[in-house]
Amino acid sequence: MELSDVLAEVRETVGTVTTGVVTSAIPALARIDPHRFGLAYAGVDGELVGVGDWDTAFSVQSVSKVFSLALVLAHDGEALWTRVRRQPSVYRFNSLSELDGDCGIPRNPFVNAGALVVTDRLLGITGDAKQAVLDLLLTESGGGLYVDEAVAADEQAHNHRNSAIAHLIADHGNLHHPVEDVLDHYTGHCAIAATCGQLATAALFLARGGIRTNGERLLSAADTTRLNAILLTCGTYEAAGDFAYSVGLPAKSGIGGAILAVIPGRGILCAWGPALDAHGNSIAATQALSTFTSITGWSIF
């Protein structure tokens, strides 16, 4: 079966999502039509196909954490893991419950606490963390992405929980820059707007063993494998076990409704559906990716 036919079948299976809710954490995103859906596949061989709203831009939100982490690992290697752990969390992505008991060391780089520490380090490396993430996405995707300043401003105005998380981390001495600066850069790269096709193409280095679109190496093959392992165990938060069971691919979700999934050696999938479950993961995107791997058998297991 051609991949375009597979995607069409997936689209038909997903239908119109009638469960879940669009995030209310960011008012600009709360106004998005919950019935939108897009799915794109970018292959390591250059193939790019999609269905539905796959060329509609949306707020990537926590999917950007994949790219900020890759940039830090490319520069620091193993050094990051003295400040962030690699363990799944049983709490929500924006929870403070574990953080104080863990002395300000976040459980993993994909919960908000961990991503704030990663952003803090990227700010130290580059001087402009949000621009560094945007530049990587622009270069790898071929362009067209941008920071949605309206979403960024809206998120900054309602950033109370992330502010509390950042202050708690700083109180334990695990932030090296002012809280306000870290929050600005974190919010900025989360507010990047991209399409399914652009995100899938930008992440192809994760399917190519760390090799960028120009043939240069961003990550070693070993570090790429390790990053994908953390995506599998932590990328969809406390639902990671269920996601691995039903989809079988390393993946990262965001409250904008996107899920980016890696098929090592083959390509990248990006699905988008704004209606979320209780864990903050897109219901339509999860269903689409599960159906895709069931049809194709393209699982890492």
C-alpha atoms as a PDB file:
ATOM      1  CA  MET A   1       0.000   0.000   0.000  1.00  0.00           C
ATOM      2  CA  GLU A   2       1.294   3.470  -0.899  1.00  0.00           C
ATOM      3  CA  LEU A   3       1.948   5.770   2.070  1.00  0.00           C
ATOM      4  CA  SER A   4      -0.546   8.298   0.715  1.00  0.00           C
ATOM      5  CA  ASP A   5      -3.182   5.553   0.823  1.00  0.00           C
ATOM      6  CA  VAL A   6      -2.174   4.623   4.368  1.00  0.00           C
ATOM      7  CA  LEU A   7      -2.539   8.231   5.509  1.00  0.00           C
ATOM      8  CA  ALA A   8      -5.925   8.485   3.804  1.00  0.00           C
ATOM      9  CA  GLU A   9      -7.081   5.349   5.614  1.00  0.00           C
ATOM     10  CA  VAL A  10      -5.818   6.746   8.909  1.00  0.00           C
ATOM     11  CA  ARG A  11      -7.686   9.997   8.265  1.00  0.00           C
ATOM     12  CA  GLU A  12     -10.863   8.069   7.573  1.00  0.00           C
ATOM     13  CA  THR A  13     -10.452   6.026  10.749  1.00  0.00           C
ATOM     14  CA  VAL A  14      -9.853   9.047  12.971  1.00  0.00           C
ATOM     15  CA  GLY A  15     -12.984  10.809  11.720  1.00  0.00           C
ATOM     16  CA  THR A  16     -14.207  13.719  13.799  1.00  0.00           C
ATOM     17  CA  VAL A  17     -13.029  13.624  17.393  1.00  0.00           C
ATOM     18  CA  THR A  18     -15.922  14.072  19.791  1.00  0.00           C
ATOM     19  CA  THR A  19     -14.009  13.712  23.073  1.00  0.00           C
ATOM     20  CA  GLY A  20     -11.323  15.762  24.766  1.00  0.00           C
ATOM     21  CA  VAL A  21     -10.962  19.486  25.248  1.00  0.00           C
ATOM     22  CA  VAL A  22      -8.738  22.161  23.769  1.00  0.00           C
ATOM     23  CA  THR A  23      -6.261  23.533  26.305  1.00  0.00           C
ATOM     24  CA  SER A  24      -7.496  26.400  28.462  1.00  0.00           C
ATOM     25  CA  ALA A  25      -4.019  27.197  29.799  1.00  0.00           C
ATOM     26  CA  ILE A  26      -3.344  29.654  26.950  1.00  0.00           C
ATOM     27  CA  PRO A  27      -6.418  31.653  25.859  1.00  0.00           C
ATOM     28  CA  ALA A  28      -5.117  32.080  22.300  1.00  0.00           C
ATOM     29  CA  LEU A  29      -5.087  28.294  21.909  1.00  0.00           C
ATOM     30  CA  ALA A  30      -8.440  27.792  23.618  1.00  0.00           C
ATOM     31  CA  ARG A  31     -10.111  29.350  20.567  1.00  0.00           C
ATOM     32  CA  ILE A  32      -8.788  26.724  18.122  1.00  0.00           C
ATOM     33  CA  ASP A  33     -11.373  24.488  16.432  1.00  0.00           C
ATOM     34  CA  PRO A  34     -11.071  21.117  18.257  1.00  0.00           C
ATOM     35  CA  HIS A  35     -12.040  19.207  15.106  1.00  0.00           C
ATOM     36  CA  ARG A  36      -8.995  20.209  13.053  1.00  0.00           C
ATOM     37  CA  PHE A  37      -6.720  17.302  12.119  1.00  0.00           C
ATOM     38  CA  GLY A  38      -3.550  16.870  10.113  1.00  0.00           C
ATOM     39  CA  LEU A  39      -1.005  14.113   9.613  1.00  0.00           C
ATOM     40  CA  ALA A  40       2.296  14.201   7.741  1.00  0.00           C
ATOM     41  CA  TYR A  41       5.081  11.725   7.071  1.00  0.00           C
ATOM     42  CA  ALA A  42       8.609  12.817   6.143  1.00  0.00           C
ATOM     43  CA  GLY A  43      10.926  10.030   5.025  1.00  0.00           C
ATOM     44  CA  VAL A  44      14.707   9.854   5.207  1.00  0.00           C
ATOM     45  CA  ASP A  45      14.568   9.306   1.435  1.00  0.00           C
ATOM     46  CA  GLY A  46      12.970  12.742   0.902  1.00  0.00           C
ATOM     47  CA  GLU A  47       9.357  11.601   0.643  1.00  0.00           C
ATOM     48  CA  LEU A  48       6.826  14.009   2.174  1.00  0.00           C
ATOM     49  CA  VAL A  49       3.101  13.214   2.204  1.00  0.00           C
ATOM     50  CA  GLY A  50       0.194  14.400   4.294  1.00  0.00           C
ATOM     51  CA  VAL A  51      -3.561  14.437   4.780  1.00  0.00           C
ATOM     52  CA  GLY A  52      -6.084  16.778   6.333  1.00  0.00           C
ATOM     53  CA  ASP A  53      -4.784  20.044   7.765  1.00  0.00           C
ATOM     54  CA  TRP A  54      -1.169  18.945   7.451  1.00  0.00           C
ATOM     55  CA  ASP A  55      -0.113  22.272   5.927  1.00  0.00           C
ATOM     56  CA  THR A  56      -1.906  24.429   8.528  1.00  0.00           C
ATOM     57  CA  ALA A  57       0.354  26.143  11.065  1.00  0.00           C
ATOM     58  CA  PHE A  58      -0.283  25.579  14.779  1.00  0.00           C
ATOM     59  CA  SER A  59       1.531  26.289  18.048  1.00  0.00           C
ATOM     60  CA  VAL A  60       4.133  23.558  18.591  1.00  0.00           C
ATOM     61  CA  GLN A  61       4.320  24.126  22.362  1.00  0.00           C
ATOM     62  CA  SER A  62       6.180  21.272  24.105  1.00  0.00           C
ATOM     63  CA  VAL A  63       7.219  19.628  20.842  1.00  0.00           C
ATOM     64  CA  SER A  64       9.896  22.347  20.767  1.00  0.00           C
ATOM     65  CA  LYS A  65      11.504  20.645  23.788  1.00  0.00           C
ATOM     66  CA  VAL A  66      12.864  17.966  21.440  1.00  0.00           C
ATOM     67  CA  PHE A  67      14.886  20.555  19.556  1.00  0.00           C
ATOM     68  CA  SER A  68      16.126  22.518  22.574  1.00  0.00           C
ATOM     69  CA  LEU A  69      17.300  19.255  24.146  1.00  0.00           C
ATOM     70  CA  ALA A  70      19.059  18.178  20.945  1.00  0.00           C
ATOM     71  CA  LEU A  71      20.957  21.466  20.802  1.00  0.00           C
ATOM     72  CA  VAL A  72      22.119  21.153  24.408  1.00  0.00           C
ATOM     73  CA  LEU A  73      23.140  17.511  23.998  1.00  0.00           C
ATOM     74  CA  ALA A  74      25.052  18.448  20.843  1.00  0.00           C
ATOM     75  CA  HIS A  75      27.102  20.926  22.861  1.00  0.00           C
ATOM     76  CA  ASP A  76      27.331  19.316  26.302  1.00  0.00           C
ATOM     77  CA  GLY A  77      26.898  15.599  25.790  1.00  0.00           C
ATOM     78  CA  GLU A  78      26.409  13.813  29.116  1.00  0.00           C
ATOM     79  CA  ALA A  79      26.990  16.929  31.255  1.00  0.00           C
ATOM     80  CA  LEU A  80      23.318  17.916  31.181  1.00  0.00           C
ATOM     81  CA  TRP A  81      22.317  14.858  33.200  1.00  0.00           C
ATOM     82  CA  THR A  82      23.810  16.297  36.385  1.00  0.00           C
ATOM     83  CA  ARG A  83      20.997  18.866  36.305  1.00  0.00           C
ATOM     84  CA  VAL A  84      18.107  16.839  34.847  1.00  0.00           C
ATOM     85  CA  ARG A  85      17.229  13.198  35.352  1.00  0.00           C
ATOM     86  CA  ARG A  86      15.947  10.734  32.751  1.00  0.00           C
ATOM     87  CA  GLN A  87      13.134   9.086  34.715  1.00  0.00           C
ATOM     88  CA  PRO A  88       9.428   8.980  33.824  1.00  0.00           C
ATOM     89  CA  SER A  89       7.151  11.006  36.061  1.00  0.00           C
ATOM     90  CA  VAL A  90       3.809   9.873  37.414  1.00  0.00           C
ATOM     91  CA  TYR A  91       2.678  13.493  37.771  1.00  0.00           C
ATOM     92  CA  ARG A  92       1.376  15.980  35.206  1.00  0.00           C
ATOM     93  CA  PHE A  93       3.851  17.813  33.015  1.00  0.00           C
ATOM     94  CA  ASN A  94       3.453  21.042  35.023  1.00  0.00           C
ATOM     95  CA  SER A  95       3.457  19.525  38.493  1.00  0.00           C
ATOM     96  CA  LEU A  96       5.549  20.895  41.375  1.00  0.00           C
ATOM     97  CA  SER A  97       4.953  17.850  43.588  1.00  0.00           C
ATOM     98  CA  GLU A  98       8.209  15.987  42.911  1.00  0.00           C
ATOM     99  CA  LEU A  99      10.464  18.948  42.350  1.00  0.00           C
ATOM    100  CA  ASP A 100      11.043  20.151  45.901  1.00  0.00           C
ATOM    101  CA  GLY A 101      11.624  16.646  47.233  1.00  0.00           C
ATOM    102  CA  ASP A 102      14.092  16.078  44.388  1.00  0.00           C
ATOM    103  CA  CYS A 103      16.038  19.194  45.407  1.00  0.00           C
ATOM    104  CA  GLY A 104      15.196  21.074  42.209  1.00  0.00           C
ATOM    105  CA  ILE A 105      16.417  18.312  39.857  1.00  0.00           C
ATOM    106  CA  PRO A 106      13.581  17.635  37.383  1.00  0.00           C
ATOM    107  CA  ARG A 107      12.629  14.012  36.651  1.00  0.00           C
ATOM    108  CA  ASN A 108      13.185  14.338  32.894  1.00  0.00           C
ATOM    109  CA  PRO A 109      13.794  17.001  30.213  1.00  0.00           C
ATOM    110  CA  PHE A 110      10.247  16.855  28.818  1.00  0.00           C
ATOM    111  CA  VAL A 111       8.217  17.875  31.860  1.00  0.00           C
ATOM    112  CA  ASN A 112       8.093  21.657  32.139  1.00  0.00           C
ATOM    113  CA  ALA A 113      10.618  21.757  34.975  1.00  0.00           C
ATOM    114  CA  GLY A 114      13.150  19.805  32.952  1.00  0.00           C
ATOM    115  CA  ALA A 115      12.573  21.872  29.832  1.00  0.00           C
ATOM    116  CA  LEU A 116      13.175  25.052  31.831  1.00  0.00           C
ATOM    117  CA  VAL A 117      16.564  23.727  32.948  1.00  0.00           C
ATOM    118  CA  VAL A 118      17.387  22.734  29.363  1.00  0.00           C
ATOM    119  CA  THR A 119      16.391  26.219  28.174  1.00  0.00           C
ATOM    120  CA  ASP A 120      18.526  27.775  30.904  1.00  0.00           C
ATOM    121  CA  ARG A 121      21.531  25.790  29.660  1.00  0.00           C
ATOM    122  CA  LEU A 122      20.799  26.609  26.010  1.00  0.00           C
ATOM    123  CA  LEU A 123      20.614  30.274  26.955  1.00  0.00           C
ATOM    124  CA  GLY A 124      24.086  29.940  28.454  1.00  0.00           C
ATOM    125  CA  ILE A 125      25.434  28.218  25.345  1.00  0.00           C
ATOM    126  CA  THR A 126      23.905  30.490  22.695  1.00  0.00           C
ATOM    127  CA  GLY A 127      22.848  33.706  24.428  1.00  0.00           C
ATOM    128  CA  ASP A 128      19.442  33.384  22.731  1.00  0.00           C
ATOM    129  CA  ALA A 129      17.714  30.075  23.351  1.00  0.00           C
ATOM    130  CA  LYS A 130      14.462  30.793  21.549  1.00  0.00           C
ATOM    131  CA  GLN A 131      16.281  31.992  18.425  1.00  0.00           C
ATOM    132  CA  ALA A 132      18.557  28.952  18.520  1.00  0.00           C
ATOM    133  CA  VAL A 133      15.560  26.609  18.506  1.00  0.00           C
ATOM    134  CA  LEU A 134      13.847  28.611  15.768  1.00  0.00           C
ATOM    135  CA  ASP A 135      17.037  28.649  13.662  1.00  0.00           C
ATOM    136  CA  LEU A 136      17.394  24.865  13.940  1.00  0.00           C
ATOM    137  CA  LEU A 137      13.777  24.356  12.902  1.00  0.00           C
ATOM    138  CA  LEU A 138      14.084  26.814  10.022  1.00  0.00           C
ATOM    139  CA  THR A 139      17.266  25.223   8.708  1.00  0.00           C
ATOM    140  CA  GLU A 140      16.065  21.636   8.968  1.00  0.00           C
ATOM    141  CA  SER A 141      12.552  22.266   7.635  1.00  0.00           C
ATOM    142  CA  GLY A 142      13.476  24.556   4.785  1.00  0.00           C
ATOM    143  CA  GLY A 143      11.839  27.653   6.294  1.00  0.00           C
ATOM    144  CA  GLY A 144       8.419  29.113   6.910  1.00  0.00           C
ATOM    145  CA  LEU A 145       8.253  28.738  10.701  1.00  0.00           C
ATOM    146  CA  TYR A 146       7.930  31.712  13.016  1.00  0.00           C
ATOM    147  CA  VAL A 147       7.348  32.670  16.635  1.00  0.00           C
ATOM    148  CA  ASP A 148       3.679  33.541  17.122  1.00  0.00           C
ATOM    149  CA  GLU A 149       4.130  36.635  19.262  1.00  0.00           C
ATOM    150  CA  ALA A 150       0.430  36.762  20.194  1.00  0.00           C
ATOM    151  CA  VAL A 151       0.591  33.233  21.625  1.00  0.00           C
ATOM    152  CA  ALA A 152       3.879  34.033  23.387  1.00  0.00           C
ATOM    153  CA  ALA A 153       2.414  37.147  25.005  1.00  0.00           C
ATOM    154  CA  ASP A 154      -0.720  35.282  26.024  1.00  0.00           C
ATOM    155  CA  GLU A 155       1.322  32.497  27.545  1.00  0.00           C
ATOM    156  CA  GLN A 156       3.563  34.934  29.407  1.00  0.00           C
ATOM    157  CA  ALA A 157       0.507  36.635  30.876  1.00  0.00           C
ATOM    158  CA  HIS A 158      -0.836  33.313  32.206  1.00  0.00           C
ATOM    159  CA  ASN A 159       2.488  31.713  33.115  1.00  0.00           C
ATOM    160  CA  HIS A 160       1.955  31.500  36.868  1.00  0.00           C
ATOM    161  CA  ARG A 161       2.611  27.774  37.257  1.00  0.00           C
ATOM    162  CA  ASN A 162       5.741  27.764  35.116  1.00  0.00           C
ATOM    163  CA  SER A 163       6.916  30.810  37.021  1.00  0.00           C
ATOM    164  CA  ALA A 164       6.430  28.933  40.299  1.00  0.00           C
ATOM    165  CA  ILE A 165       8.322  25.935  38.894  1.00  0.00           C
ATOM    166  CA  ALA A 166      11.194  28.130  37.714  1.00  0.00           C
ATOM    167  CA  HIS A 167      11.450  29.936  41.063  1.00  0.00           C
ATOM    168  CA  LEU A 168      11.532  26.613  42.896  1.00  0.00           C
ATOM    169  CA  ILE A 169      14.317  25.336  40.636  1.00  0.00           C
ATOM    170  CA  ALA A 170      16.204  28.599  41.147  1.00  0.00           C
ATOM    171  CA  ASP A 171      15.759  28.313  44.918  1.00  0.00           C
ATOM    172  CA  HIS A 172      17.631  25.012  44.733  1.00  0.00           C
ATOM    173  CA  GLY A 173      20.399  26.617  42.668  1.00  0.00           C
ATOM    174  CA  ASN A 174      19.621  24.778  39.422  1.00  0.00           C
ATOM    175  CA  LEU A 175      19.010  27.838  37.232  1.00  0.00           C
ATOM    176  CA  HIS A 176      21.995  29.918  36.125  1.00  0.00           C
ATOM    177  CA  HIS A 177      20.062  32.819  34.605  1.00  0.00           C
ATOM    178  CA  PRO A 178      17.299  35.076  35.974  1.00  0.00           C
ATOM    179  CA  VAL A 179      13.919  33.365  36.147  1.00  0.00           C
ATOM    180  CA  GLU A 180      12.331  36.022  33.927  1.00  0.00           C
ATOM    181  CA  ASP A 181      14.888  35.456  31.172  1.00  0.00           C
ATOM    182  CA  VAL A 182      14.502  31.678  31.255  1.00  0.00           C
ATOM    183  CA  LEU A 183      10.708  31.965  31.115  1.00  0.00           C
ATOM    184  CA  ASP A 184      10.892  34.408  28.195  1.00  0.00           C
ATOM    185  CA  HIS A 185      13.066  32.083  26.116  1.00  0.00           C
ATOM    186  CA  TYR A 186      11.102  28.965  27.099  1.00  0.00           C
ATOM    187  CA  THR A 187       7.805  30.608  26.207  1.00  0.00           C
ATOM    188  CA  GLY A 188       9.316  31.928  22.994  1.00  0.00           C
ATOM    189  CA  HIS A 189      10.370  28.560  21.606  1.00  0.00           C
ATOM    190  CA  CYS A 190       7.104  26.934  22.717  1.00  0.00           C
ATOM    191  CA  ALA A 191       5.212  29.626  20.756  1.00  0.00           C
ATOM    192  CA  ILE A 192       6.813  28.680  17.447  1.00  0.00           C
ATOM    193  CA  ALA A 193       4.159  28.059  14.778  1.00  0.00           C
ATOM    194  CA  ALA A 194       4.697  25.236  12.288  1.00  0.00           C
ATOM    195  CA  THR A 195       2.804  22.781  10.112  1.00  0.00           C
ATOM    196  CA  CYS A 196       2.842  18.992  10.423  1.00  0.00           C
ATOM    197  CA  GLY A 197       4.989  18.787   7.304  1.00  0.00           C
ATOM    198  CA  GLN A 198       7.496  21.334   8.572  1.00  0.00           C
ATOM    199  CA  LEU A 199       7.854  19.688  11.984  1.00  0.00           C
ATOM    200  CA  ALA A 200       8.208  16.215  10.535  1.00  0.00           C
ATOM    201  CA  THR A 201      10.905  17.399   8.121  1.00  0.00           C
ATOM    202  CA  ALA A 202      12.736  19.371  10.817  1.00  0.00           C
ATOM    203  CA  ALA A 203      12.998  16.312  13.072  1.00  0.00           C
ATOM    204  CA  LEU A 204      14.435  13.950  10.450  1.00  0.00           C
ATOM    205  CA  PHE A 205      17.845  14.000  12.143  1.00  0.00           C
ATOM    206  CA  LEU A 206      16.259  11.805  14.824  1.00  0.00           C
ATOM    207  CA  ALA A 207      15.495   9.163  12.181  1.00  0.00           C
ATOM    208  CA  ARG A 208      18.889   9.563  10.477  1.00  0.00           C
ATOM    209  CA  GLY A 209      21.032   8.800  13.505  1.00  0.00           C
ATOM    210  CA  GLY A 210      21.770  12.471  14.218  1.00  0.00           C
ATOM    211  CA  ILE A 211      22.554  13.610  10.658  1.00  0.00           C
ATOM    212  CA  ARG A 212      21.170  16.998   9.606  1.00  0.00           C
ATOM    213  CA  THR A 213      19.604  17.821   6.258  1.00  0.00           C
ATOM    214  CA  ASN A 214      22.930  19.199   4.936  1.00  0.00           C
ATOM    215  CA  GLY A 215      24.755  15.977   5.796  1.00  0.00           C
ATOM    216  CA  GLU A 216      26.486  17.376   8.867  1.00  0.00           C
ATOM    217  CA  ARG A 217      26.175  15.642  12.217  1.00  0.00           C
ATOM    218  CA  LEU A 218      24.120  17.287  14.971  1.00  0.00           C
ATOM    219  CA  LEU A 219      24.225  14.352  17.389  1.00  0.00           C
ATOM    220  CA  SER A 220      26.236  11.171  17.570  1.00  0.00           C
ATOM    221  CA  ALA A 221      24.365   8.012  16.665  1.00  0.00           C
ATOM    222  CA  ALA A 222      24.520   6.940  20.311  1.00  0.00           C
ATOM    223  CA  ASP A 223      23.137  10.256  21.609  1.00  0.00           C
ATOM    224  CA  THR A 224      20.352  10.124  19.020  1.00  0.00           C
ATOM    225  CA  THR A 225      19.389   6.651  20.207  1.00  0.00           C
ATOM    226  CA  ARG A 226      19.398   7.864  23.814  1.00  0.00           C
ATOM    227  CA  LEU A 227      17.290  10.903  22.985  1.00  0.00           C
ATOM    228  CA  ASN A 228      14.776   8.641  21.250  1.00  0.00           C
ATOM    229  CA  ALA A 229      14.767   6.383  24.311  1.00  0.00           C
ATOM    230  CA  ILE A 230      13.827   9.338  26.529  1.00  0.00           C
ATOM    231  CA  LEU A 231      11.104  10.280  24.058  1.00  0.00           C
ATOM    232  CA  LEU A 232       9.665   6.776  24.384  1.00  0.00           C
ATOM    233  CA  THR A 233       9.697   6.737  28.189  1.00  0.00           C
ATOM    234  CA  CYS A 234       8.926  10.393  28.938  1.00  0.00           C
ATOM    235  CA  GLY A 235       7.718  12.211  25.796  1.00  0.00           C
ATOM    236  CA  THR A 236       3.992  11.778  26.408  1.00  0.00           C
ATOM    237  CA  TYR A 237       4.248  12.392  30.155  1.00  0.00           C
ATOM    238  CA  GLU A 238       2.528  10.020  32.562  1.00  0.00           C
ATOM    239  CA  ALA A 239       0.772   8.349  29.606  1.00  0.00           C
ATOM    240  CA  ALA A 240       4.081   7.210  28.093  1.00  0.00           C
ATOM    241  CA  GLY A 241       3.504   3.566  28.978  1.00  0.00           C
ATOM    242  CA  ASP A 242       0.093   3.470  27.321  1.00  0.00           C
ATOM    243  CA  PHE A 243       1.440   5.353  24.305  1.00  0.00           C
ATOM    244  CA  ALA A 244       4.318   2.895  23.890  1.00  0.00           C
ATOM    245  CA  TYR A 245       1.824   0.039  24.143  1.00  0.00           C
ATOM    246  CA  SER A 246      -0.594   1.420  21.539  1.00  0.00           C
ATOM    247  CA  VAL A 247       1.785   3.216  19.152  1.00  0.00           C
ATOM    248  CA  GLY A 248       5.233   1.757  19.761  1.00  0.00           C
ATOM    249  CA  LEU A 249       7.273   4.778  18.687  1.00  0.00           C
ATOM    250  CA  PRO A 250       9.369   7.430  20.490  1.00  0.00           C
ATOM    251  CA  ALA A 251       7.219  10.577  20.531  1.00  0.00           C
ATOM    252  CA  LYS A 252       6.771  14.062  21.934  1.00  0.00           C
ATOM    253  CA  SER A 253       3.428  15.737  22.497  1.00  0.00           C
ATOM    254  CA  GLY A 254       2.419  19.343  23.103  1.00  0.00           C
ATOM    255  CA  ILE A 255      -0.709  21.055  24.404  1.00  0.00           C
ATOM    256  CA  GLY A 256      -1.086  22.712  21.011  1.00  0.00           C
ATOM    257  CA  GLY A 257      -2.314  19.290  19.871  1.00  0.00           C
ATOM    258  CA  ALA A 258       0.716  17.955  18.018  1.00  0.00           C
ATOM    259  CA  ILE A 259       2.521  14.662  18.505  1.00  0.00           C
ATOM    260  CA  LEU A 260       5.855  14.104  16.765  1.00  0.00           C
ATOM    261  CA  ALA A 261       6.875  10.441  16.418  1.00  0.00           C
ATOM    262  CA  VAL A 262      10.173   8.916  15.285  1.00  0.00           C
ATOM    263  CA  ILE A 263      10.511   5.822  13.108  1.00  0.00           C
ATOM    264  CA  PRO A 264      14.288   5.219  13.320  1.00  0.00           C
ATOM    265  CA  GLY A 265      15.853   4.619   9.928  1.00  0.00           C
ATOM    266  CA  ARG A 266      12.603   5.417   8.084  1.00  0.00           C
ATOM    267  CA  GLY A 267      11.207   8.844   8.889  1.00  0.00           C
ATOM    268  CA  ILE A 268       9.123  11.101  11.103  1.00  0.00           C
ATOM    269  CA  LEU A 269       5.376  11.348  11.658  1.00  0.00           C
ATOM    270  CA  CYS A 270       3.642  14.478  12.895  1.00  0.00           C
ATOM    271  CA  ALA A 271      -0.046  14.390  13.775  1.00  0.00           C
ATOM    272  CA  TRP A 272      -2.117  17.337  14.989  1.00  0.00           C
ATOM    273  CA  GLY A 273      -5.512  17.485  16.659  1.00  0.00           C
ATOM    274  CA  PRO A 274      -6.235  20.221  19.237  1.00  0.00           C
ATOM    275  CA  ALA A 275      -8.580  18.231  21.538  1.00  0.00           C
ATOM    276  CA  LEU A 276      -6.569  16.789  24.448  1.00  0.00           C
ATOM    277  CA  ASP A 277      -7.002  14.007  26.968  1.00  0.00           C
ATOM    278  CA  ALA A 278      -6.441  14.348  30.718  1.00  0.00           C
ATOM    279  CA  HIS A 279      -2.681  13.942  30.282  1.00  0.00           C
ATOM    280  CA  GLY A 280      -2.395  16.822  27.811  1.00  0.00           C
ATOM    281  CA  ASN A 281      -1.948  14.578  24.751  1.00  0.00           C
ATOM    282  CA  SER A 282      -3.966  14.919  21.548  1.00  0.00           C
ATOM    283  CA  ILE A 283      -6.692  12.286  21.274  1.00  0.00           C
ATOM    284  CA  ALA A 284      -6.903  12.400  17.482  1.00  0.00           C
ATOM    285  CA  ALA A 285      -3.127  12.394  17.022  1.00  0.00           C
ATOM    286  CA  THR A 286      -2.688   9.436  19.368  1.00  0.00           C
ATOM    287  CA  GLN A 287      -5.411   7.509  17.565  1.00  0.00           C
ATOM    288  CA  ALA A 288      -3.918   8.364  14.171  1.00  0.00           C
ATOM    289  CA  LEU A 289      -0.429   7.221  15.129  1.00  0.00           C
ATOM    290  CA  SER A 290      -1.760   4.011  16.654  1.00  0.00           C
ATOM    291  CA  THR A 291      -3.711   3.265  13.482  1.00  0.00           C
ATOM    292  CA  PHE A 292      -0.692   4.075  11.304  1.00  0.00           C
ATOM    293  CA  THR A 293       1.620   1.665  13.136  1.00  0.00           C
ATOM    294  CA  SER A 294      -1.097  -1.023  13.151  1.00  0.00           C
ATOM    295  CA  ILE A 295      -1.464  -0.781   9.373  1.00  0.00           C
ATOM    296  CA  THR A 296       2.233  -0.519   8.509  1.00  0.00           C
ATOM    297  CA  GLY A 297       3.796  -2.541  11.317  1.00  0.00           C
ATOM    298  CA  TRP A 298       6.374   0.250  11.684  1.00  0.00           C
ATOM    299  CA  SER A 299       6.980  -0.003  15.417  1.00  0.00           C
ATOM    300  CA  ILE A 300      10.309  -0.156  17.213  1.00  0.00           C
ATOM    301  CA  PHE A 301       9.171  -3.361  18.912  1.00  0.00           C
END
